[in-house]
Structures are given as C-alpha cells and as structure tokens.
Amino acid sequence: MFENLTLIAVVISILWLASYAVYLYSSRQQNDLLHDIDNLQRKLEDTSK
C-alpha cells in the first residue's frame, strides 16, 4: 500500500514542478513581449516626428 502512496507523491511532485516551470517560462515570455512592445512604440514615436 505504501508503495502506491510513494508513487502518487512522486507523480504529484513532478506535476507541481512542471506547472511551476511552465509558469516561469510564460512569465519570462510575457516580459520579453512587453519589452518588444515598448521598443516598437518608441520607434513609432520617433518616426512620426
């Protein structure tokens, strides 16, 4: 019985770690996109003058 509980705990831990990794990856991607948008807005403002 305890073998099954250990397996379940390992699977849950792996799922939590995978979820955290996806969160970190997507938050970094969002920051990169925001930075790119700011750069584009600055370029548009410079060309419109």
Protein backbone atom coordinates (compact mmCIF):
# COMPACT_ATOMS: atom_id res chain seq x y z
CA MET A 1 0.00 0.00 0.00
CA PHE A 2 2.79 2.44 0.85
CA GLU A 3 4.43 1.81 -2.50
CA ASN A 4 1.37 3.27 -4.20
CA LEU A 5 1.39 6.30 -1.90
CA THR A 6 5.03 6.93 -2.69
CA LEU A 7 4.33 6.72 -6.40
CA ILE A 8 1.41 9.13 -6.08
CA ALA A 9 3.56 11.58 -4.10
CA VAL A 10 6.29 11.44 -6.75
CA VAL A 11 3.79 11.99 -9.57
CA ILE A 12 2.20 14.94 -7.77
CA SER A 13 5.62 16.45 -7.09
CA ILE A 14 6.59 16.12 -10.75
CA LEU A 15 3.32 17.75 -11.83
CA TRP A 16 3.87 20.67 -9.44
CA LEU A 17 7.41 21.17 -10.70
CA ALA A 18 6.23 21.04 -14.32
CA SER A 19 3.48 23.58 -13.59
CA TYR A 20 5.99 25.89 -11.95
CA ALA A 21 8.35 25.57 -14.91
CA VAL A 22 5.55 26.47 -17.34
CA TYR A 23 4.65 29.47 -15.19
CA LEU A 24 8.25 30.71 -15.14
CA TYR A 25 8.62 30.22 -18.89
CA SER A 26 5.39 32.03 -19.74
CA SER A 27 6.09 34.93 -17.37
CA ARG A 28 9.51 35.41 -18.98
CA GLN A 29 7.93 35.34 -22.43
CA GLN A 30 5.43 37.98 -21.32
CA ASN A 31 8.21 40.25 -20.06
CA ASP A 32 10.05 39.88 -23.36
CA LEU A 33 6.89 40.76 -25.28
CA LEU A 34 6.28 43.84 -23.14
CA HIS A 35 9.85 44.96 -23.75
CA ASP A 36 9.43 44.48 -27.51
CA ILE A 37 6.16 46.43 -27.50
CA ASP A 38 7.81 49.32 -25.66
CA ASN A 39 10.65 49.37 -28.20
CA LEU A 40 8.18 49.41 -31.09
CA GLN A 41 6.19 52.24 -29.54
CA ARG A 42 9.37 54.29 -29.12
CA LYS A 43 10.33 53.67 -32.74
CA LEU A 44 6.87 54.70 -33.93
CA GLU A 45 7.02 57.88 -31.88
CA ASP A 46 10.45 58.72 -33.32
CA THR A 47 9.35 58.19 -36.92
CA SER A 48 6.18 60.22 -36.52
CA LYS A 49 8.09 63.38 -35.52
